[in-house]
Amino acid sequence: MLRENRSRYDLVITSVNMPDMDAFKLLELVGLEMDLPVIMLSAHGHTKLVKKGITHGTCDYLLKPVCIDELKNIWQHVVRKKN
């Protein structure tokens, strides 16, 4: 879906735990092929997972449940990426 409509997306928000795909592989593919900012969501703030996300190129790592204030600031990642 992302590959087919590249120009329609400015940001990818994904969960670390997905049933059918490795979130870190998705992060690599989006970063390499589409150059979009990726925000990862997780119910766990384990240091190892956060570091792995950063190593693979995530621009932010948010803990579930996500606070409204954190969501309000997501647009900043899009602006930074476009500039």
PDB file of N, CA and C in Angstrom:
ATOM      1  N   MET A   1       0.815  -1.184   0.000  1.00  0.00           N
ATOM      2  CA  MET A   1       0.000   0.000   0.000  1.00  0.00           C
ATOM      3  C   MET A   1       0.865   1.257   0.000  1.00  0.00           C
ATOM      4  N   LEU A   2       1.882   1.294   0.823  1.00  0.00           N
ATOM      5  CA  LEU A   2       2.774   2.456   0.853  1.00  0.00           C
ATOM      6  C   LEU A   2       3.514   2.619  -0.466  1.00  0.00           C
ATOM      7  N   ARG A   3       4.020   1.539  -0.997  1.00  0.00           N
ATOM      8  CA  ARG A   3       4.788   1.600  -2.248  1.00  0.00           C
ATOM      9  C   ARG A   3       3.936   2.097  -3.415  1.00  0.00           C
ATOM     10  N   GLU A   4       2.683   1.712  -3.428  1.00  0.00           N
ATOM     11  CA  GLU A   4       1.798   2.080  -4.531  1.00  0.00           C
ATOM     12  C   GLU A   4       1.411   3.555  -4.503  1.00  0.00           C
ATOM     13  N   ASN A   5       1.395   4.150  -3.339  1.00  0.00           N
ATOM     14  CA  ASN A   5       0.931   5.531  -3.184  1.00  0.00           C
ATOM     15  C   ASN A   5       1.946   6.373  -2.421  1.00  0.00           C
ATOM     16  N   ARG A   6       3.170   6.325  -2.810  1.00  0.00           N
ATOM     17  CA  ARG A   6       4.255   7.003  -2.093  1.00  0.00           C
ATOM     18  C   ARG A   6       3.979   8.468  -1.806  1.00  0.00           C
ATOM     19  N   SER A   7       3.449   9.174  -2.768  1.00  0.00           N
ATOM     20  CA  SER A   7       3.270  10.619  -2.618  1.00  0.00           C
ATOM     21  C   SER A   7       2.100  10.993  -1.713  1.00  0.00           C
ATOM     22  N   ARG A   8       1.316  10.039  -1.295  1.00  0.00           N
ATOM     23  CA  ARG A   8       0.150  10.330  -0.459  1.00  0.00           C
ATOM     24  C   ARG A   8       0.466  10.310   1.032  1.00  0.00           C
ATOM     25  N   TYR A   9       1.649   9.903   1.402  1.00  0.00           N
ATOM     26  CA  TYR A   9       1.982   9.770   2.817  1.00  0.00           C
ATOM     27  C   TYR A   9       3.137  10.681   3.199  1.00  0.00           C
ATOM     28  N   ASP A  10       3.038  11.245   4.396  1.00  0.00           N
ATOM     29  CA  ASP A  10       4.095  12.100   4.925  1.00  0.00           C
ATOM     30  C   ASP A  10       4.773  11.490   6.140  1.00  0.00           C
ATOM     31  N   LEU A  11       4.171  10.448   6.708  1.00  0.00           N
ATOM     32  CA  LEU A  11       4.618   9.901   7.977  1.00  0.00           C
ATOM     33  C   LEU A  11       4.089   8.480   8.119  1.00  0.00           C
ATOM     34  N   VAL A  12       4.868   7.619   8.774  1.00  0.00           N
ATOM     35  CA  VAL A  12       4.421   6.258   9.075  1.00  0.00           C
ATOM     36  C   VAL A  12       4.437   6.084  10.589  1.00  0.00           C
ATOM     37  N   ILE A  13       3.310   5.622  11.123  1.00  0.00           N
ATOM     38  CA  ILE A  13       3.212   5.297  12.549  1.00  0.00           C
ATOM     39  C   ILE A  13       2.924   3.804  12.620  1.00  0.00           C
ATOM     40  N   THR A  14       3.779   3.071  13.331  1.00  0.00           N
ATOM     41  CA  THR A  14       3.624   1.621  13.387  1.00  0.00           C
ATOM     42  C   THR A  14       3.843   1.096  14.802  1.00  0.00           C
ATOM     43  N   SER A  15       3.230  -0.009  15.081  1.00  0.00           N
ATOM     44  CA  SER A  15       3.429  -0.679  16.358  1.00  0.00           C
ATOM     45  C   SER A  15       4.659  -1.577  16.263  1.00  0.00           C
ATOM     46  N   VAL A  16       5.374  -1.706  17.351  1.00  0.00           N
ATOM     47  CA  VAL A  16       6.531  -2.600  17.381  1.00  0.00           C
ATOM     48  C   VAL A  16       6.066  -4.046  17.223  1.00  0.00           C
ATOM     49  N   ASN A  17       4.968  -4.387  17.867  1.00  0.00           N
ATOM     50  CA  ASN A  17       4.456  -5.756  17.819  1.00  0.00           C
ATOM     51  C   ASN A  17       3.333  -5.869  16.799  1.00  0.00           C
ATOM     52  N   MET A  18       3.670  -6.424  15.648  1.00  0.00           N
ATOM     53  CA  MET A  18       2.679  -6.663  14.600  1.00  0.00           C
ATOM     54  C   MET A  18       2.648  -8.158  14.315  1.00  0.00           C
ATOM     55  N   PRO A  19       1.465  -8.704  14.055  1.00  0.00           N
ATOM     56  CA  PRO A  19       1.370 -10.157  13.871  1.00  0.00           C
ATOM     57  C   PRO A  19       2.005 -10.687  12.587  1.00  0.00           C
ATOM     58  N   ASP A  20       1.982  -9.912  11.522  1.00  0.00           N
ATOM     59  CA  ASP A  20       2.417 -10.439  10.229  1.00  0.00           C
ATOM     60  C   ASP A  20       3.721  -9.866   9.701  1.00  0.00           C
ATOM     61  N   MET A  21       4.330  -8.936  10.441  1.00  0.00           N
ATOM     62  CA  MET A  21       5.529  -8.291   9.917  1.00  0.00           C
ATOM     63  C   MET A  21       6.429  -7.843  11.059  1.00  0.00           C
ATOM     64  N   ASP A  22       7.700  -7.867  10.811  1.00  0.00           N
ATOM     65  CA  ASP A  22       8.677  -7.356  11.763  1.00  0.00           C
ATOM     66  C   ASP A  22       8.727  -5.835  11.616  1.00  0.00           C
ATOM     67  N   ALA A  23       8.399  -5.124  12.678  1.00  0.00           N
ATOM     68  CA  ALA A  23       8.348  -3.659  12.632  1.00  0.00           C
ATOM     69  C   ALA A  23       9.697  -3.046  12.274  1.00  0.00           C
ATOM     70  N   PHE A  24      10.781  -3.678  12.674  1.00  0.00           N
ATOM     71  CA  PHE A  24      12.104  -3.133  12.390  1.00  0.00           C
ATOM     72  C   PHE A  24      12.469  -3.318  10.914  1.00  0.00           C
ATOM     73  N   LYS A  25      11.986  -4.378  10.308  1.00  0.00           N
ATOM     74  CA  LYS A  25      12.171  -4.572   8.870  1.00  0.00           C
ATOM     75  C   LYS A  25      11.370  -3.518   8.104  1.00  0.00           C
ATOM     76  N   LEU A  26      10.145  -3.264   8.557  1.00  0.00           N
ATOM     77  CA  LEU A  26       9.330  -2.213   7.951  1.00  0.00           C
ATOM     78  C   LEU A  26      10.036  -0.868   8.059  1.00  0.00           C
ATOM     79  N   LEU A  27      10.601  -0.605   9.208  1.00  0.00           N
ATOM     80  CA  LEU A  27      11.322   0.645   9.439  1.00  0.00           C
ATOM     81  C   LEU A  27      12.469   0.806   8.448  1.00  0.00           C
ATOM     82  N   GLU A  28      13.227  -0.240   8.235  1.00  0.00           N
ATOM     83  CA  GLU A  28      14.332  -0.201   7.268  1.00  0.00           C
ATOM     84  C   GLU A  28      13.826   0.044   5.850  1.00  0.00           C
ATOM     85  N   LEU A  29      12.793  -0.682   5.459  1.00  0.00           N
ATOM     86  CA  LEU A  29      12.262  -0.549   4.104  1.00  0.00           C
ATOM     87  C   LEU A  29      11.711   0.849   3.844  1.00  0.00           C
ATOM     88  N   VAL A  30      10.967   1.372   4.780  1.00  0.00           N
ATOM     89  CA  VAL A  30      10.400   2.714   4.610  1.00  0.00           C
ATOM     90  C   VAL A  30      11.520   3.740   4.549  1.00  0.00           C
ATOM     91  N   GLY A  31      12.509   3.586   5.401  1.00  0.00           N
ATOM     92  CA  GLY A  31      13.629   4.521   5.406  1.00  0.00           C
ATOM     93  C   GLY A  31      14.439   4.481   4.125  1.00  0.00           C
ATOM     94  N   LEU A  32      14.690   3.292   3.615  1.00  0.00           N
ATOM     95  CA  LEU A  32      15.502   3.148   2.405  1.00  0.00           C
ATOM     96  C   LEU A  32      14.745   3.488   1.127  1.00  0.00           C
ATOM     97  N   GLU A  33      13.513   3.030   1.032  1.00  0.00           N
ATOM     98  CA  GLU A  33      12.760   3.177  -0.208  1.00  0.00           C
ATOM     99  C   GLU A  33      11.946   4.459  -0.300  1.00  0.00           C
ATOM    100  N   MET A  34      11.489   4.972   0.833  1.00  0.00           N
ATOM    101  CA  MET A  34      10.537   6.070   0.782  1.00  0.00           C
ATOM    102  C   MET A  34      11.006   7.336   1.476  1.00  0.00           C
ATOM    103  N   ASP A  35      11.995   7.230   2.318  1.00  0.00           N
ATOM    104  CA  ASP A  35      12.520   8.382   3.039  1.00  0.00           C
ATOM    105  C   ASP A  35      11.431   9.130   3.807  1.00  0.00           C
ATOM    106  N   LEU A  36      10.576   8.375   4.512  1.00  0.00           N
ATOM    107  CA  LEU A  36       9.529   8.962   5.341  1.00  0.00           C
ATOM    108  C   LEU A  36       9.913   8.843   6.808  1.00  0.00           C
ATOM    109  N   PRO A  37       9.519   9.815   7.632  1.00  0.00           N
ATOM    110  CA  PRO A  37       9.745   9.661   9.063  1.00  0.00           C
ATOM    111  C   PRO A  37       8.859   8.535   9.609  1.00  0.00           C
ATOM    112  N   VAL A  38       9.409   7.734  10.508  1.00  0.00           N
ATOM    113  CA  VAL A  38       8.674   6.619  11.101  1.00  0.00           C
ATOM    114  C   VAL A  38       8.647   6.792  12.609  1.00  0.00           C
ATOM    115  N   ILE A  39       7.452   6.653  13.172  1.00  0.00           N
ATOM    116  CA  ILE A  39       7.270   6.701  14.617  1.00  0.00           C
ATOM    117  C   ILE A  39       6.816   5.316  15.049  1.00  0.00           C
ATOM    118  N   MET A  40       7.496   4.774  16.036  1.00  0.00           N
ATOM    119  CA  MET A  40       7.149   3.447  16.532  1.00  0.00           C
ATOM    120  C   MET A  40       6.399   3.576  17.851  1.00  0.00           C
ATOM    121  N   LEU A  41       5.384   2.711  18.023  1.00  0.00           N
ATOM    122  CA  LEU A  41       4.588   2.666  19.240  1.00  0.00           C
ATOM    123  C   LEU A  41       4.799   1.324  19.923  1.00  0.00           C
ATOM    124  N   SER A  42       4.863   1.357  21.243  1.00  0.00           N
ATOM    125  CA  SER A  42       5.025   0.111  21.985  1.00  0.00           C
ATOM    126  C   SER A  42       4.428   0.253  23.376  1.00  0.00           C
ATOM    127  N   ALA A  43       3.947  -0.844  23.896  1.00  0.00           N
ATOM    128  CA  ALA A  43       3.452  -0.865  25.264  1.00  0.00           C
ATOM    129  C   ALA A  43       4.608  -1.007  26.250  1.00  0.00           C
ATOM    130  N   HIS A  44       5.801  -1.284  25.725  1.00  0.00           N
ATOM    131  CA  HIS A  44       6.971  -1.509  26.573  1.00  0.00           C
ATOM    132  C   HIS A  44       8.078  -0.523  26.223  1.00  0.00           C
ATOM    133  N   GLY A  45       8.654   0.073  27.234  1.00  0.00           N
ATOM    134  CA  GLY A  45       9.741   1.021  27.006  1.00  0.00           C
ATOM    135  C   GLY A  45      11.101   0.419  27.292  1.00  0.00           C
ATOM    136  N   HIS A  46      11.248  -0.861  27.001  1.00  0.00           N
ATOM    137  CA  HIS A  46      12.521  -1.528  27.244  1.00  0.00           C
ATOM    138  C   HIS A  46      13.639  -0.826  26.472  1.00  0.00           C
ATOM    139  N   THR A  47      14.710  -0.540  27.162  1.00  0.00           N
ATOM    140  CA  THR A  47      15.835   0.173  26.563  1.00  0.00           C
ATOM    141  C   THR A  47      16.330  -0.516  25.298  1.00  0.00           C
ATOM    142  N   LYS A  48      16.370  -1.825  25.308  1.00  0.00           N
ATOM    143  CA  LYS A  48      16.855  -2.580  24.148  1.00  0.00           C
ATOM    144  C   LYS A  48      15.988  -2.313  22.909  1.00  0.00           C
ATOM    145  N   LEU A  49      14.665  -2.287  23.083  1.00  0.00           N
ATOM    146  CA  LEU A  49      13.766  -2.026  21.958  1.00  0.00           C
ATOM    147  C   LEU A  49      13.898  -0.596  21.449  1.00  0.00           C
ATOM    148  N   VAL A  50      13.995   0.344  22.379  1.00  0.00           N
ATOM    149  CA  VAL A  50      14.140   1.753  21.992  1.00  0.00           C
ATOM    150  C   VAL A  50      15.431   1.941  21.198  1.00  0.00           C
ATOM    151  N   LYS A  51      16.528   1.374  21.690  1.00  0.00           N
ATOM    152  CA  LYS A  51      17.814   1.482  20.989  1.00  0.00           C
ATOM    153  C   LYS A  51      17.749   0.835  19.608  1.00  0.00           C
ATOM    154  N   LYS A  52      17.091  -0.312  19.523  1.00  0.00           N
ATOM    155  CA  LYS A  52      16.964  -0.991  18.233  1.00  0.00           C
ATOM    156  C   LYS A  52      16.182  -0.119  17.253  1.00  0.00           C
ATOM    157  N   GLY A  53      15.120   0.521  17.727  1.00  0.00           N
ATOM    158  CA  GLY A  53      14.344   1.417  16.876  1.00  0.00           C
ATOM    159  C   GLY A  53      15.171   2.581  16.374  1.00  0.00           C
ATOM    160  N   ILE A  54      15.937   3.181  17.258  1.00  0.00           N
ATOM    161  CA  ILE A  54      16.784   4.313  16.881  1.00  0.00           C
ATOM    162  C   ILE A  54      17.856   3.862  15.896  1.00  0.00           C
ATOM    163  N   THR A  55      18.457   2.719  16.155  1.00  0.00           N
ATOM    164  CA  THR A  55      19.478   2.175  15.261  1.00  0.00           C
ATOM    165  C   THR A  55      18.924   1.933  13.858  1.00  0.00           C
ATOM    166  N   HIS A  56      17.684   1.502  13.782  1.00  0.00           N
ATOM    167  CA  HIS A  56      17.063   1.211  12.490  1.00  0.00           C
ATOM    168  C   HIS A  56      16.429   2.446  11.850  1.00  0.00           C
ATOM    169  N   GLY A  57      16.473   3.596  12.525  1.00  0.00           N
ATOM    170  CA  GLY A  57      16.055   4.843  11.885  1.00  0.00           C
ATOM    171  C   GLY A  57      14.749   5.473  12.315  1.00  0.00           C
ATOM    172  N   THR A  58      14.134   5.003  13.396  1.00  0.00           N
ATOM    173  CA  THR A  58      12.900   5.652  13.832  1.00  0.00           C
ATOM    174  C   THR A  58      13.187   7.076  14.306  1.00  0.00           C
ATOM    175  N   CYS A  59      12.265   7.975  14.043  1.00  0.00           N
ATOM    176  CA  CYS A  59      12.480   9.357  14.478  1.00  0.00           C
ATOM    177  C   CYS A  59      11.866   9.601  15.849  1.00  0.00           C
ATOM    178  N   ASP A  60      11.001   8.687  16.296  1.00  0.00           N
ATOM    179  CA  ASP A  60      10.421   8.813  17.631  1.00  0.00           C
ATOM    180  C   ASP A  60       9.926   7.445  18.071  1.00  0.00           C
ATOM    181  N   TYR A  61       9.873   7.241  19.374  1.00  0.00           N
ATOM    182  CA  TYR A  61       9.432   5.980  19.952  1.00  0.00           C
ATOM    183  C   TYR A  61       8.480   6.353  21.076  1.00  0.00           C
ATOM    184  N   LEU A  62       7.192   6.101  20.890  1.00  0.00           N
ATOM    185  CA  LEU A  62       6.184   6.504  21.865  1.00  0.00           C
ATOM    186  C   LEU A  62       5.631   5.291  22.596  1.00  0.00           C
ATOM    187  N   LEU A  63       5.354   5.488  23.874  1.00  0.00           N
ATOM    188  CA  LEU A  63       4.786   4.413  24.682  1.00  0.00           C
ATOM    189  C   LEU A  63       3.267   4.486  24.672  1.00  0.00           C
ATOM    190  N   LYS A  64       2.644   3.320  24.558  1.00  0.00           N
ATOM    191  CA  LYS A  64       1.188   3.227  24.628  1.00  0.00           C
ATOM    192  C   LYS A  64       0.775   3.202  26.092  1.00  0.00           C
ATOM    193  N   PRO A  65      -0.309   3.792  26.459  1.00  0.00           N
ATOM    194  CA  PRO A  65      -1.165   4.635  25.637  1.00  0.00           C
ATOM    195  C   PRO A  65      -0.475   5.976  25.369  1.00  0.00           C
ATOM    196  N   VAL A  66      -0.606   6.456  24.154  1.00  0.00           N
ATOM    197  CA  VAL A  66       0.040   7.699  23.738  1.00  0.00           C
ATOM    198  C   VAL A  66      -0.751   8.886  24.281  1.00  0.00           C
ATOM    199  N   CYS A  67      -0.037   9.852  24.837  1.00  0.00           N
ATOM    200  CA  CYS A  67      -0.662  11.067  25.370  1.00  0.00           C
ATOM    201  C   CYS A  67      -1.058  11.999  24.225  1.00  0.00           C
ATOM    202  N   ILE A  68      -2.111  12.740  24.424  1.00  0.00           N
ATOM    203  CA  ILE A  68      -2.583  13.697  23.420  1.00  0.00           C
ATOM    204  C   ILE A  68      -1.487  14.693  23.061  1.00  0.00           C
ATOM    205  N   ASP A  69      -0.736  15.164  24.041  1.00  0.00           N
ATOM    206  CA  ASP A  69       0.327  16.138  23.766  1.00  0.00           C
ATOM    207  C   ASP A  69       1.393  15.560  22.839  1.00  0.00           C
ATOM    208  N   GLU A  70       1.686  14.279  22.990  1.00  0.00           N
ATOM    209  CA  GLU A  70       2.657  13.640  22.097  1.00  0.00           C
ATOM    210  C   GLU A  70       2.121  13.589  20.670  1.00  0.00           C
ATOM    211  N   LEU A  71       0.850  13.305  20.524  1.00  0.00           N
ATOM    212  CA  LEU A  71       0.247  13.264  19.191  1.00  0.00           C
ATOM    213  C   LEU A  71       0.233  14.640  18.538  1.00  0.00           C
ATOM    214  N   LYS A  72       0.028  15.656  19.334  1.00  0.00           N
ATOM    215  CA  LYS A  72       0.001  17.021  18.801  1.00  0.00           C
ATOM    216  C   LYS A  72       1.351  17.430  18.224  1.00  0.00           C
ATOM    217  N   ASN A  73       2.416  16.821  18.688  1.00  0.00           N
ATOM    218  CA  ASN A  73       3.764  17.195  18.250  1.00  0.00           C
ATOM    219  C   ASN A  73       4.303  16.341  17.100  1.00  0.00           C
ATOM    220  N   ILE A  74       3.557  15.362  16.660  1.00  0.00           N
ATOM    221  CA  ILE A  74       4.024  14.469  15.598  1.00  0.00           C
ATOM    222  C   ILE A  74       4.310  15.222  14.302  1.00  0.00           C
ATOM    223  N   TRP A  75       3.543  16.245  14.003  1.00  0.00           N
ATOM    224  CA  TRP A  75       3.721  17.001  12.754  1.00  0.00           C
ATOM    225  C   TRP A  75       5.141  17.531  12.602  1.00  0.00           C
ATOM    226  N   GLN A  76       5.825  17.776  13.710  1.00  0.00           N
ATOM    227  CA  GLN A  76       7.186  18.323  13.659  1.00  0.00           C
ATOM    228  C   GLN A  76       8.142  17.398  12.899  1.00  0.00           C
ATOM    229  N   HIS A  77       7.918  16.098  12.989  1.00  0.00           N
ATOM    230  CA  HIS A  77       8.783  15.147  12.284  1.00  0.00           C
ATOM    231  C   HIS A  77       8.631  15.285  10.768  1.00  0.00           C
ATOM    232  N   VAL A  78       7.421  15.566  10.323  1.00  0.00           N
ATOM    233  CA  VAL A  78       7.170  15.742   8.891  1.00  0.00           C
ATOM    234  C   VAL A  78       7.853  17.010   8.397  1.00  0.00           C
ATOM    235  N   VAL A  79       7.723  18.079   9.150  1.00  0.00           N
ATOM    236  CA  VAL A  79       8.333  19.355   8.764  1.00  0.00           C
ATOM    237  C   VAL A  79       9.849  19.221   8.707  1.00  0.00           C
ATOM    238  N   ARG A  80      10.446  18.583   9.701  1.00  0.00           N
ATOM    239  CA  ARG A  80      11.905  18.391   9.717  1.00  0.00           C
ATOM    240  C   ARG A  80      12.371  17.581   8.514  1.00  0.00           C
ATOM    241  N   LYS A  81      11.631  16.543   8.181  1.00  0.00           N
ATOM    242  CA  LYS A  81      12.021  15.663   7.078  1.00  0.00           C
ATOM    243  C   LYS A  81      11.933  16.385   5.734  1.00  0.00           C
ATOM    244  N   LYS A  82      10.953  17.263   5.597  1.00  0.00           N
ATOM    245  CA  LYS A  82      10.764  17.971   4.326  1.00  0.00           C
ATOM    246  C   LYS A  82      11.747  19.118   4.155  1.00  0.00           C
ATOM    247  N   ASN A  83      12.306  19.609   5.238  1.00  0.00           N
ATOM    248  CA  ASN A  83      13.270  20.715   5.152  1.00  0.00           C
ATOM    249  C   ASN A  83      14.624  20.155   5.072  1.00  0.00           C
TER     250      ASN A  83
END
